[in-house]
N, C-alpha and C. Protein backbone atom coordinates (compact mmCIF):
# COMPACT_ATOMS: atom_id res chain seq x y z
N MET A 1 154.74 79.35 38.61
CA MET A 1 153.47 80.03 38.37
C MET A 1 153.72 81.53 38.35
N HIS A 2 153.14 82.22 37.38
CA HIS A 2 153.31 83.65 37.25
C HIS A 2 152.00 84.37 37.56
N PHE A 3 152.06 85.36 38.42
CA PHE A 3 150.88 86.14 38.77
C PHE A 3 151.00 87.51 38.13
N LEU A 4 149.98 87.90 37.39
CA LEU A 4 149.93 89.23 36.80
C LEU A 4 148.97 90.07 37.62
N ILE A 5 149.46 91.10 38.25
CA ILE A 5 148.65 91.93 39.13
C ILE A 5 148.17 93.15 38.37
N ILE A 6 146.87 93.26 38.20
CA ILE A 6 146.25 94.40 37.54
C ILE A 6 145.25 94.99 38.51
N LYS A 7 145.34 96.26 38.77
CA LYS A 7 144.49 96.89 39.78
C LYS A 7 143.44 97.77 39.12
N TYR A 8 142.22 97.69 39.69
CA TYR A 8 141.15 98.60 39.27
C TYR A 8 140.40 99.02 40.52
N THR A 9 140.17 100.30 40.68
CA THR A 9 139.50 100.82 41.87
C THR A 9 138.05 101.14 41.54
N LEU A 10 137.14 100.51 42.25
CA LEU A 10 135.72 100.74 42.05
C LEU A 10 135.25 101.96 42.83
N ILE A 11 134.10 102.51 42.41
CA ILE A 11 133.54 103.66 43.12
C ILE A 11 132.59 103.20 44.22
N PHE A 12 132.41 101.87 44.36
CA PHE A 12 131.60 101.34 45.46
C PHE A 12 132.27 100.10 46.01
N ASN A 13 131.98 99.78 47.27
CA ASN A 13 132.56 98.60 47.90
C ASN A 13 131.93 97.35 47.29
N SER A 14 132.77 96.42 46.85
CA SER A 14 132.27 95.21 46.23
C SER A 14 131.99 94.14 47.27
N LYS A 15 131.06 93.25 46.95
CA LYS A 15 130.72 92.15 47.84
C LYS A 15 131.15 90.82 47.25
N TYR A 16 130.87 90.61 45.96
CA TYR A 16 131.23 89.37 45.30
C TYR A 16 131.74 89.64 43.90
N ILE A 17 132.45 88.66 43.37
CA ILE A 17 132.96 88.77 42.01
C ILE A 17 132.63 87.48 41.27
N LYS A 18 132.30 87.62 39.99
CA LYS A 18 131.97 86.47 39.16
C LYS A 18 132.71 86.64 37.84
N CYS A 19 133.37 85.59 37.38
CA CYS A 19 134.10 85.64 36.12
C CYS A 19 133.42 84.74 35.10
N ILE A 20 133.20 85.28 33.88
CA ILE A 20 132.55 84.51 32.84
C ILE A 20 133.28 84.73 31.52
N ASN A 21 132.92 83.92 30.53
CA ASN A 21 133.50 84.06 29.19
C ASN A 21 132.36 84.07 28.19
N ILE A 22 132.27 85.13 27.39
CA ILE A 22 131.25 85.24 26.35
C ILE A 22 131.96 85.51 25.03
N PHE A 23 131.76 84.62 24.07
CA PHE A 23 132.38 84.76 22.76
C PHE A 23 133.90 84.98 22.90
N TYR A 24 134.54 84.18 23.76
CA TYR A 24 135.99 84.19 23.95
C TYR A 24 136.50 85.49 24.57
N THR A 25 135.60 86.27 25.16
CA THR A 25 135.99 87.47 25.86
C THR A 25 135.73 87.26 27.34
N ASN A 26 136.73 87.56 28.17
CA ASN A 26 136.60 87.37 29.61
C ASN A 26 135.98 88.61 30.26
N PHE A 27 134.99 88.36 31.11
CA PHE A 27 134.34 89.43 31.83
C PHE A 27 134.40 89.15 33.33
N SER A 28 134.50 90.21 34.09
CA SER A 28 134.43 90.11 35.53
C SER A 28 133.23 90.94 35.98
N ILE A 29 132.37 90.33 36.81
CA ILE A 29 131.19 91.01 37.29
C ILE A 29 131.33 91.19 38.79
N VAL A 30 131.33 92.42 39.24
CA VAL A 30 131.45 92.72 40.66
C VAL A 30 130.13 93.36 41.10
N PHE A 31 129.57 92.91 42.20
CA PHE A 31 128.29 93.46 42.60
C PHE A 31 128.18 93.59 44.11
N ARG A 32 127.32 94.52 44.50
CA ARG A 32 127.00 94.72 45.91
C ARG A 32 125.68 95.47 45.97
N GLY A 33 124.74 94.95 46.75
CA GLY A 33 123.48 95.65 46.92
C GLY A 33 122.71 95.76 45.62
N ARG A 34 122.53 97.00 45.14
CA ARG A 34 121.77 97.26 43.93
C ARG A 34 122.65 97.73 42.78
N LYS A 35 123.94 97.44 42.84
CA LYS A 35 124.85 97.85 41.78
C LYS A 35 125.63 96.66 41.24
N ILE A 36 125.75 96.61 39.91
CA ILE A 36 126.52 95.56 39.24
C ILE A 36 127.50 96.24 38.30
N ALA A 37 128.77 95.98 38.47
CA ALA A 37 129.80 96.53 37.60
C ALA A 37 130.28 95.45 36.63
N LEU A 38 130.15 95.72 35.34
CA LEU A 38 130.57 94.78 34.30
C LEU A 38 131.87 95.27 33.71
N MET A 39 132.92 94.43 33.82
CA MET A 39 134.25 94.83 33.36
C MET A 39 134.81 93.79 32.40
N SER A 40 135.48 94.25 31.37
CA SER A 40 136.19 93.34 30.48
C SER A 40 137.60 93.16 31.03
N VAL A 41 138.12 91.94 30.89
CA VAL A 41 139.43 91.60 31.45
C VAL A 41 140.36 91.17 30.33
N ASN A 42 141.41 91.94 30.13
CA ASN A 42 142.46 91.59 29.20
C ASN A 42 143.58 90.96 30.01
N GLY A 43 143.80 89.66 29.83
CA GLY A 43 144.76 88.95 30.66
C GLY A 43 146.17 89.46 30.57
N LYS A 44 146.47 90.26 29.55
CA LYS A 44 147.83 90.74 29.37
C LYS A 44 148.09 92.12 29.95
N SER A 45 147.02 92.94 30.04
CA SER A 45 147.34 94.31 30.42
C SER A 45 146.33 95.06 31.25
N SER A 46 145.03 94.79 31.11
CA SER A 46 144.12 95.75 31.70
C SER A 46 142.78 95.17 32.12
N ILE A 47 142.10 95.93 33.00
CA ILE A 47 140.71 95.71 33.37
C ILE A 47 139.98 97.00 33.03
N THR A 48 138.91 96.88 32.25
CA THR A 48 138.19 98.07 31.79
C THR A 48 136.74 98.00 32.23
N LEU A 49 136.29 99.05 32.90
CA LEU A 49 134.89 99.12 33.30
C LEU A 49 134.05 99.43 32.07
N MET A 50 133.13 98.52 31.74
CA MET A 50 132.26 98.72 30.59
C MET A 50 131.03 99.54 30.98
N LYS A 51 130.39 99.14 32.07
CA LYS A 51 129.24 99.89 32.55
C LYS A 51 128.88 99.44 33.96
N THR A 52 128.11 100.28 34.65
CA THR A 52 127.57 99.95 35.96
C THR A 52 126.05 99.94 35.87
N LEU A 53 125.46 98.81 36.26
CA LEU A 53 124.01 98.67 36.22
C LEU A 53 123.43 98.89 37.61
N LYS A 54 122.31 99.56 37.67
CA LYS A 54 121.59 99.74 38.93
C LYS A 54 120.32 98.90 38.87
N THR A 55 120.14 98.03 39.86
CA THR A 55 119.00 97.12 39.87
C THR A 55 117.89 97.65 40.77
N SER A 56 116.67 97.19 40.52
CA SER A 56 115.53 97.66 41.31
C SER A 56 115.44 96.96 42.66
N THR A 57 116.19 95.87 42.81
CA THR A 57 116.20 95.13 44.07
C THR A 57 117.62 94.71 44.38
N GLU A 58 117.91 94.45 45.64
CA GLU A 58 119.25 94.01 46.02
C GLU A 58 119.49 92.61 45.50
N VAL A 59 120.70 92.37 44.99
CA VAL A 59 121.03 91.05 44.43
C VAL A 59 122.16 90.43 45.24
N TRP A 60 122.20 89.09 45.21
CA TRP A 60 123.21 88.38 45.97
C TRP A 60 124.08 87.49 45.10
N SER A 61 123.46 86.73 44.20
CA SER A 61 124.24 85.89 43.30
C SER A 61 123.82 86.17 41.86
N ILE A 62 124.69 85.83 40.93
CA ILE A 62 124.45 86.14 39.53
C ILE A 62 125.05 85.05 38.66
N CYS A 63 124.40 84.76 37.54
CA CYS A 63 124.92 83.76 36.61
C CYS A 63 124.49 84.14 35.20
N PRO A 64 125.25 83.73 34.17
CA PRO A 64 124.89 84.06 32.79
C PRO A 64 123.59 83.37 32.39
N TYR A 65 122.77 84.05 31.59
CA TYR A 65 121.54 83.49 31.03
C TYR A 65 121.71 83.26 29.53
N ASP A 66 122.11 84.29 28.80
CA ASP A 66 122.51 84.16 27.41
C ASP A 66 123.56 85.22 27.14
N VAL A 67 123.87 85.50 25.88
CA VAL A 67 124.99 86.41 25.58
C VAL A 67 124.70 87.85 25.96
N ASN A 68 123.45 88.20 26.19
CA ASN A 68 123.10 89.57 26.50
C ASN A 68 122.45 89.77 27.87
N ARG A 69 122.21 88.66 28.59
CA ARG A 69 121.47 88.78 29.84
C ARG A 69 122.03 87.87 30.94
N PHE A 70 121.70 88.23 32.18
CA PHE A 70 122.09 87.45 33.34
C PHE A 70 120.85 87.13 34.17
N ILE A 71 120.98 86.12 35.01
CA ILE A 71 119.96 85.85 36.02
C ILE A 71 120.55 86.24 37.37
N VAL A 72 119.82 87.05 38.11
CA VAL A 72 120.28 87.48 39.44
C VAL A 72 119.34 86.92 40.50
N GLU A 73 119.92 86.54 41.62
CA GLU A 73 119.14 86.09 42.77
C GLU A 73 118.89 87.30 43.66
N THR A 74 117.65 87.50 44.06
CA THR A 74 117.28 88.71 44.77
C THR A 74 117.34 88.53 46.29
N VAL A 75 117.32 89.63 46.99
CA VAL A 75 117.31 89.66 48.45
C VAL A 75 116.02 90.35 48.90
N ASP A 76 115.29 89.70 49.82
CA ASP A 76 114.06 90.26 50.38
C ASP A 76 113.05 90.64 49.28
N ASP A 77 112.92 89.77 48.30
CA ASP A 77 111.99 89.99 47.19
C ASP A 77 111.34 88.65 46.86
N ARG A 78 110.03 88.63 46.71
CA ARG A 78 109.33 87.38 46.43
C ARG A 78 109.58 86.88 45.01
N ARG A 79 110.12 87.70 44.17
CA ARG A 79 110.60 87.27 42.86
C ARG A 79 112.05 86.82 43.07
N HIS A 80 112.23 85.56 43.38
CA HIS A 80 113.54 85.08 43.84
C HIS A 80 114.64 85.25 42.81
N ALA A 81 114.30 85.13 41.55
CA ALA A 81 115.28 85.28 40.48
C ALA A 81 114.70 86.15 39.39
N ARG A 82 115.54 87.05 38.86
CA ARG A 82 115.10 87.93 37.78
C ARG A 82 116.16 87.95 36.69
N VAL A 83 115.74 88.39 35.51
CA VAL A 83 116.65 88.53 34.38
C VAL A 83 117.02 89.99 34.22
N ILE A 84 118.31 90.27 34.04
CA ILE A 84 118.75 91.64 33.78
C ILE A 84 119.67 91.63 32.57
N GLY A 85 119.42 92.55 31.64
CA GLY A 85 120.20 92.62 30.42
C GLY A 85 121.40 93.54 30.55
N LEU A 86 122.27 93.48 29.57
CA LEU A 86 123.43 94.37 29.56
C LEU A 86 123.02 95.83 29.45
N ASN A 87 121.80 96.06 28.96
CA ASN A 87 121.29 97.42 28.86
C ASN A 87 120.58 97.87 30.14
N GLY A 88 120.54 96.98 31.16
CA GLY A 88 119.93 97.32 32.43
C GLY A 88 118.46 96.97 32.52
N GLN A 89 117.87 96.50 31.43
CA GLN A 89 116.45 96.16 31.45
C GLN A 89 116.21 94.90 32.27
N GLU A 90 115.21 94.94 33.16
CA GLU A 90 114.89 93.82 34.03
C GLU A 90 113.57 93.17 33.61
N SER A 91 113.46 91.88 33.86
CA SER A 91 112.21 91.17 33.57
C SER A 91 112.09 89.96 34.47
N ASP A 92 110.88 89.47 34.64
CA ASP A 92 110.64 88.26 35.41
C ASP A 92 110.87 87.05 34.53
N ILE A 93 111.09 85.90 35.16
CA ILE A 93 111.28 84.66 34.42
C ILE A 93 109.93 83.96 34.33
N GLN A 94 109.36 83.94 33.16
CA GLN A 94 108.05 83.34 32.95
C GLN A 94 108.20 81.93 32.40
N PRO A 95 107.32 81.01 32.76
CA PRO A 95 106.17 81.17 33.66
C PRO A 95 106.47 80.61 35.05
N LEU A 96 107.67 80.81 35.57
CA LEU A 96 108.06 80.19 36.83
C LEU A 96 107.28 80.77 38.00
N THR A 97 106.93 79.91 38.94
CA THR A 97 106.29 80.32 40.18
C THR A 97 107.18 79.90 41.34
N PHE A 98 107.64 80.88 42.12
CA PHE A 98 108.53 80.62 43.23
C PHE A 98 107.74 80.48 44.54
N PRO A 99 108.32 79.81 45.55
CA PRO A 99 107.66 79.75 46.85
C PRO A 99 107.36 81.15 47.38
N ASP A 100 106.25 81.31 48.08
CA ASP A 100 105.81 82.62 48.55
C ASP A 100 106.56 82.98 49.82
N LYS A 101 107.81 83.40 49.64
CA LYS A 101 108.67 83.77 50.75
C LYS A 101 109.79 84.65 50.23
N THR A 102 110.54 85.22 51.13
CA THR A 102 111.71 86.01 50.75
C THR A 102 112.95 85.43 51.43
N TYR A 103 114.11 85.79 50.91
CA TYR A 103 115.38 85.31 51.45
C TYR A 103 116.26 86.49 51.85
N GLY A 104 116.93 86.35 52.98
CA GLY A 104 117.93 87.33 53.36
C GLY A 104 119.20 87.12 52.55
N ALA A 105 120.11 88.07 52.64
CA ALA A 105 121.35 88.01 51.89
C ALA A 105 122.15 86.76 52.26
N GLY A 106 122.51 85.98 51.26
CA GLY A 106 123.35 84.82 51.47
C GLY A 106 122.62 83.51 51.71
N TYR A 107 121.29 83.56 51.80
CA TYR A 107 120.54 82.35 52.12
C TYR A 107 119.84 81.74 50.90
N CYS A 108 120.19 82.25 49.74
CA CYS A 108 119.64 81.71 48.49
C CYS A 108 120.64 81.99 47.38
N HIS A 109 121.01 80.95 46.64
CA HIS A 109 121.94 81.09 45.52
C HIS A 109 121.34 80.42 44.30
N CYS A 110 121.78 80.84 43.12
CA CYS A 110 121.23 80.25 41.90
C CYS A 110 122.32 79.99 40.88
N THR A 111 122.02 79.08 39.96
CA THR A 111 122.85 78.85 38.79
C THR A 111 121.96 78.41 37.66
N TYR A 112 122.39 78.67 36.43
CA TYR A 112 121.59 78.32 35.26
C TYR A 112 122.41 77.44 34.34
N LEU A 113 121.80 76.34 33.88
CA LEU A 113 122.43 75.43 32.93
C LEU A 113 121.75 75.61 31.58
N PRO A 114 122.35 76.40 30.69
CA PRO A 114 121.69 76.74 29.43
C PRO A 114 121.40 75.56 28.52
N SER A 115 122.27 74.56 28.52
CA SER A 115 122.06 73.41 27.63
C SER A 115 120.85 72.59 28.05
N ASP A 116 120.49 72.68 29.33
CA ASP A 116 119.34 71.94 29.86
C ASP A 116 118.14 72.83 30.12
N GLY A 117 118.35 74.14 30.06
CA GLY A 117 117.27 75.08 30.36
C GLY A 117 116.79 74.99 31.78
N VAL A 118 117.70 74.69 32.70
CA VAL A 118 117.33 74.48 34.11
C VAL A 118 117.94 75.56 35.00
N LEU A 119 117.11 76.17 35.81
CA LEU A 119 117.55 77.11 36.84
C LEU A 119 117.51 76.39 38.18
N ALA A 120 118.66 76.34 38.86
CA ALA A 120 118.75 75.67 40.16
C ALA A 120 118.90 76.73 41.25
N VAL A 121 118.08 76.62 42.30
CA VAL A 121 118.04 77.61 43.37
C VAL A 121 118.11 76.91 44.72
N THR A 122 118.99 77.38 45.60
CA THR A 122 119.11 76.78 46.93
C THR A 122 118.22 77.51 47.94
N ASP A 123 117.75 76.77 48.92
CA ASP A 123 116.99 77.32 50.05
C ASP A 123 117.71 76.86 51.31
N TYR A 124 118.45 77.79 51.92
CA TYR A 124 119.38 77.46 53.00
C TYR A 124 118.71 76.79 54.19
N PHE A 125 117.68 77.41 54.74
CA PHE A 125 117.08 76.89 55.98
C PHE A 125 116.10 75.75 55.74
N GLU A 126 115.66 75.57 54.50
CA GLU A 126 114.79 74.44 54.18
C GLU A 126 115.60 73.22 53.71
N HIS A 127 116.92 73.38 53.62
CA HIS A 127 117.80 72.28 53.19
C HIS A 127 117.32 71.71 51.86
N THR A 128 117.03 72.61 50.94
CA THR A 128 116.36 72.23 49.70
C THR A 128 117.01 72.87 48.49
N VAL A 129 116.97 72.16 47.37
CA VAL A 129 117.37 72.70 46.08
C VAL A 129 116.15 72.63 45.16
N HIS A 130 115.78 73.76 44.58
CA HIS A 130 114.68 73.81 43.63
C HIS A 130 115.24 73.80 42.21
N LEU A 131 114.70 72.96 41.35
CA LEU A 131 115.10 72.87 39.95
C LEU A 131 113.93 73.29 39.08
N TYR A 132 114.10 74.41 38.37
CA TYR A 132 113.03 74.94 37.53
C TYR A 132 113.39 74.77 36.06
N GLN A 133 112.44 74.27 35.28
CA GLN A 133 112.62 74.16 33.84
C GLN A 133 112.15 75.45 33.20
N ILE A 134 113.11 76.23 32.66
CA ILE A 134 112.76 77.50 32.05
C ILE A 134 111.86 77.26 30.84
N GLY A 135 110.79 78.05 30.72
CA GLY A 135 109.87 77.91 29.61
C GLY A 135 108.79 76.88 29.83
N ALA A 136 108.77 76.27 30.99
CA ALA A 136 107.75 75.27 31.31
C ALA A 136 107.32 75.45 32.76
N VAL A 137 106.22 74.84 33.10
CA VAL A 137 105.72 74.93 34.47
C VAL A 137 106.44 73.93 35.37
N LEU A 138 107.14 72.98 34.76
CA LEU A 138 107.77 71.89 35.51
C LEU A 138 108.82 72.41 36.49
N SER A 139 108.76 71.91 37.72
CA SER A 139 109.78 72.21 38.72
C SER A 139 109.95 70.99 39.61
N ARG A 140 111.14 70.85 40.18
CA ARG A 140 111.43 69.73 41.09
C ARG A 140 111.99 70.29 42.39
N ARG A 141 111.62 69.66 43.48
CA ARG A 141 112.09 70.07 44.81
C ARG A 141 112.92 68.93 45.38
N VAL A 142 114.21 69.18 45.55
CA VAL A 142 115.11 68.14 46.04
C VAL A 142 115.40 68.40 47.51
N LYS A 143 114.87 67.55 48.36
CA LYS A 143 115.09 67.64 49.80
C LYS A 143 115.57 66.26 50.24
N ASP A 144 116.79 66.20 50.74
CA ASP A 144 117.43 64.93 51.04
C ASP A 144 118.32 65.12 52.26
N GLY A 145 118.45 64.08 53.07
CA GLY A 145 119.27 64.16 54.26
C GLY A 145 120.73 64.45 53.99
N ARG A 146 121.15 64.25 52.75
CA ARG A 146 122.55 64.52 52.40
C ARG A 146 122.78 66.00 52.07
N ILE A 147 121.71 66.77 52.05
CA ILE A 147 121.81 68.21 51.80
C ILE A 147 121.42 68.96 53.07
N LYS A 148 122.38 69.65 53.68
CA LYS A 148 122.14 70.41 54.90
C LYS A 148 122.72 71.82 54.72
N TYR A 149 121.87 72.81 54.84
CA TYR A 149 122.26 74.20 54.68
C TYR A 149 123.01 74.42 53.36
N PRO A 150 122.32 74.23 52.23
CA PRO A 150 122.96 74.42 50.93
C PRO A 150 123.31 75.88 50.68
N ALA A 151 124.51 76.12 50.20
CA ALA A 151 124.98 77.49 49.96
C ALA A 151 125.27 77.66 48.47
N GLY A 152 126.56 77.80 48.13
CA GLY A 152 126.93 78.02 46.74
C GLY A 152 126.50 76.88 45.84
N ILE A 153 126.22 77.22 44.57
CA ILE A 153 125.74 76.23 43.62
C ILE A 153 126.26 76.57 42.24
N CYS A 154 126.55 75.55 41.45
CA CYS A 154 126.99 75.74 40.07
C CYS A 154 126.60 74.51 39.27
N GLY A 155 126.78 74.56 37.97
CA GLY A 155 126.40 73.42 37.16
C GLY A 155 127.09 73.38 35.82
N ALA A 156 127.19 72.20 35.25
CA ALA A 156 127.77 71.98 33.93
C ALA A 156 127.50 70.54 33.52
N GLN A 157 127.44 70.30 32.21
CA GLN A 157 127.30 68.95 31.68
C GLN A 157 126.11 68.19 32.28
N GLY A 158 125.01 68.89 32.49
CA GLY A 158 123.82 68.23 33.02
C GLY A 158 123.90 67.86 34.48
N ARG A 159 124.90 68.38 35.19
CA ARG A 159 125.05 68.11 36.62
C ARG A 159 124.99 69.40 37.41
N VAL A 160 124.42 69.32 38.61
CA VAL A 160 124.34 70.45 39.52
C VAL A 160 125.18 70.12 40.74
N PHE A 161 126.02 71.06 41.17
CA PHE A 161 126.90 70.87 42.32
C PHE A 161 126.49 71.87 43.41
N VAL A 162 126.27 71.36 44.62
CA VAL A 162 125.78 72.19 45.72
C VAL A 162 126.72 72.06 46.92
N ALA A 163 127.15 73.20 47.45
CA ALA A 163 127.96 73.19 48.67
C ALA A 163 127.04 72.98 49.86
N SER A 164 127.12 71.82 50.49
CA SER A 164 126.30 71.47 51.64
C SER A 164 127.08 71.79 52.91
N GLN A 165 126.77 72.93 53.52
CA GLN A 165 127.56 73.38 54.66
C GLN A 165 127.41 72.48 55.88
N GLY A 166 126.24 71.94 56.07
CA GLY A 166 126.00 71.14 57.26
C GLY A 166 126.63 69.76 57.24
N THR A 167 127.03 69.30 56.05
CA THR A 167 127.65 67.98 55.94
C THR A 167 129.11 68.06 55.51
N PHE A 168 129.61 69.29 55.27
CA PHE A 168 130.99 69.51 54.84
C PHE A 168 131.28 68.78 53.54
N THR A 169 130.31 68.75 52.64
CA THR A 169 130.48 68.06 51.37
C THR A 169 129.95 68.93 50.22
N VAL A 170 130.25 68.50 49.01
CA VAL A 170 129.62 69.04 47.81
C VAL A 170 128.75 67.94 47.23
N VAL A 171 127.47 68.22 47.11
CA VAL A 171 126.51 67.23 46.62
C VAL A 171 126.36 67.40 45.10
N GLU A 172 126.52 66.32 44.38
CA GLU A 172 126.37 66.33 42.93
C GLU A 172 125.07 65.63 42.55
N MET A 173 124.27 66.29 41.71
CA MET A 173 123.00 65.71 41.29
C MET A 173 122.76 65.98 39.81
N THR A 174 121.85 65.24 39.23
CA THR A 174 121.47 65.48 37.84
C THR A 174 120.45 66.62 37.81
N VAL A 175 120.17 67.12 36.60
CA VAL A 175 119.18 68.19 36.48
C VAL A 175 117.77 67.66 36.74
N GLN A 176 117.62 66.33 36.81
CA GLN A 176 116.34 65.74 37.19
C GLN A 176 116.19 65.61 38.70
N GLY A 177 117.26 65.96 39.46
CA GLY A 177 117.19 65.93 40.91
C GLY A 177 117.69 64.66 41.55
N GLU A 178 118.30 63.77 40.78
CA GLU A 178 118.84 62.53 41.35
C GLU A 178 120.25 62.77 41.88
N ILE A 179 120.46 62.52 43.17
CA ILE A 179 121.78 62.68 43.76
C ILE A 179 122.65 61.49 43.35
N VAL A 180 123.80 61.81 42.76
CA VAL A 180 124.67 60.75 42.26
C VAL A 180 125.95 60.58 43.08
N LYS A 181 126.33 61.64 43.81
CA LYS A 181 127.57 61.53 44.58
C LYS A 181 127.67 62.66 45.59
N CYS A 182 128.31 62.39 46.73
CA CYS A 182 128.64 63.41 47.71
C CYS A 182 130.16 63.48 47.82
N HIS A 183 130.72 64.61 47.47
CA HIS A 183 132.17 64.77 47.45
C HIS A 183 132.65 65.31 48.81
N ASP A 184 133.52 64.57 49.46
CA ASP A 184 134.11 65.02 50.72
C ASP A 184 135.21 66.02 50.39
N VAL A 185 135.01 67.29 50.75
CA VAL A 185 135.97 68.33 50.37
C VAL A 185 136.98 68.63 51.47
N GLY A 186 136.86 67.97 52.60
CA GLY A 186 137.87 68.10 53.64
C GLY A 186 137.98 69.49 54.24
N MET A 187 136.86 70.20 54.33
CA MET A 187 136.86 71.52 54.96
C MET A 187 135.50 71.76 55.60
N GLU A 188 135.48 72.60 56.62
CA GLU A 188 134.23 72.93 57.28
C GLU A 188 133.53 74.06 56.52
N TRP A 189 132.21 74.00 56.50
CA TRP A 189 131.35 75.03 55.95
C TRP A 189 131.74 75.47 54.53
N PRO A 190 131.80 74.53 53.59
CA PRO A 190 132.06 74.93 52.20
C PRO A 190 130.99 75.91 51.74
N TYR A 191 131.38 76.96 51.04
CA TYR A 191 130.42 78.02 50.74
C TYR A 191 130.36 78.36 49.25
N THR A 192 131.50 78.68 48.66
CA THR A 192 131.55 79.05 47.26
C THR A 192 132.13 77.92 46.45
N ILE A 193 131.52 77.66 45.28
CA ILE A 193 131.93 76.52 44.48
C ILE A 193 131.86 76.87 43.00
N SER A 194 132.80 76.32 42.23
CA SER A 194 132.79 76.50 40.79
C SER A 194 133.39 75.26 40.13
N VAL A 195 132.84 74.88 38.99
CA VAL A 195 133.39 73.75 38.24
C VAL A 195 133.68 74.21 36.82
N THR A 196 134.66 73.57 36.17
CA THR A 196 134.93 73.86 34.77
C THR A 196 133.81 73.30 33.91
N GLN A 197 133.71 73.79 32.69
CA GLN A 197 132.61 73.40 31.83
C GLN A 197 132.63 71.92 31.46
N ASP A 198 133.80 71.29 31.52
CA ASP A 198 133.87 69.85 31.24
C ASP A 198 133.77 69.02 32.51
N CYS A 199 133.51 69.68 33.65
CA CYS A 199 133.42 69.02 34.96
C CYS A 199 134.72 68.31 35.33
N GLY A 200 135.81 68.75 34.76
CA GLY A 200 137.10 68.11 35.05
C GLY A 200 137.73 68.59 36.35
N HIS A 201 137.43 69.82 36.74
CA HIS A 201 138.00 70.39 37.96
C HIS A 201 136.94 71.17 38.73
N MET A 202 137.12 71.22 40.04
CA MET A 202 136.20 71.92 40.92
C MET A 202 137.01 72.73 41.93
N VAL A 203 136.58 73.96 42.17
CA VAL A 203 137.20 74.84 43.17
C VAL A 203 136.17 75.13 44.26
N VAL A 204 136.59 74.97 45.51
CA VAL A 204 135.70 75.18 46.65
C VAL A 204 136.39 76.08 47.68
N ALA A 205 135.65 77.06 48.20
CA ALA A 205 136.15 77.91 49.28
C ALA A 205 135.16 77.85 50.43
N ASN A 206 135.68 77.93 51.66
CA ASN A 206 134.76 77.84 52.80
C ASN A 206 134.44 79.21 53.37
N TYR A 207 133.49 79.24 54.30
CA TYR A 207 132.92 80.50 54.77
C TYR A 207 133.71 81.11 55.91
N TYR A 208 133.95 80.34 56.97
CA TYR A 208 134.59 80.88 58.16
C TYR A 208 136.11 80.82 58.10
N GLY A 209 136.64 79.89 57.34
CA GLY A 209 138.09 79.75 57.29
C GLY A 209 138.71 80.54 56.17
N LYS A 210 139.91 80.16 55.82
CA LYS A 210 140.64 80.84 54.75
C LYS A 210 141.15 79.80 53.76
N THR A 211 140.28 78.85 53.43
CA THR A 211 140.70 77.72 52.63
C THR A 211 140.06 77.73 51.25
N ILE A 212 140.87 77.53 50.23
CA ILE A 212 140.41 77.33 48.86
C ILE A 212 141.08 76.06 48.35
N LYS A 213 140.29 75.15 47.81
CA LYS A 213 140.83 73.90 47.32
C LYS A 213 140.43 73.66 45.87
N LEU A 214 141.38 73.08 45.13
CA LEU A 214 141.15 72.69 43.75
C LEU A 214 141.11 71.17 43.69
N PHE A 215 140.05 70.63 43.08
CA PHE A 215 139.87 69.18 42.99
C PHE A 215 139.87 68.72 41.55
N ASN A 216 140.53 67.60 41.31
CA ASN A 216 140.47 66.93 40.02
C ASN A 216 139.30 65.96 40.06
N MET A 217 138.30 66.18 39.24
CA MET A 217 137.09 65.37 39.25
C MET A 217 137.31 64.12 38.40
N ASP A 218 137.80 63.09 39.03
CA ASP A 218 138.11 61.84 38.35
C ASP A 218 136.90 60.92 38.42
N TYR A 219 136.28 60.68 37.27
CA TYR A 219 135.10 59.81 37.25
C TYR A 219 135.40 58.41 36.76
N ALA A 220 136.67 58.10 36.70
CA ALA A 220 137.04 56.76 36.23
C ALA A 220 136.65 55.71 37.27
C-alpha cells in the first residue's frame, strides 16, 4: 500500500472532514463552528482551497444535496437542517417541519439519499431516526429497541445505516423505516460511519477508542 502525503494548513482549527465526488472531481470539506472550507483534491499532487463559507448558524454534519448545494445539520437551532450553496446562499428545506427542539453539538447527524429524495436525521437522546421525504409533507419516525443513542448516519441504494452507540452495532434500514439487519461491528461506541455507493463496503470508527474498521458487506 502506498500513502501519498499532501499537507494543507487551514486558517482555522478543523473539527470534521467529509470527502465527496462531484462530476468525477474529488472534494474535501472541512468544517468547524460557522466555517466550511471547500477544497479540491488532486490525488497525484495537491490540495487546493476553493473557498471558505461562513454560515449563519453553527453546523455539525454535512452531506451533498445536489451538484451545487449541501445539507448541513445545525447546532442549537430549531431549523435542524438547512441547505447551503457553493455561493454561500442559505435556505430552509421546504415544506419539512422538524420537532420543536434544538440539538447540541454531536447529538444530531444527517444524511441525504438523492435517488430516494429522503433526508435521514438522528436524535441521540430520543433513540430515534427521522426520515423526511423532501418535497412532501411525509415523514417517518423510527424508534426501535435496536437503536440506542444513534450517532453517525449514511445511506446508499435505498438503505440507511445508523451507528447505534448503545448497542455497539450498525443498524441497517430501508428508506421506509423498516429495519432489515443489525451489523455487529465488534467495537464499543461506534460513531462515524460511511458506506460505498454500491453498499459493498462499510467503514466504521468509534468515539472513545482509536479503532477504524473496514467491512465487506456480503449479502449473499
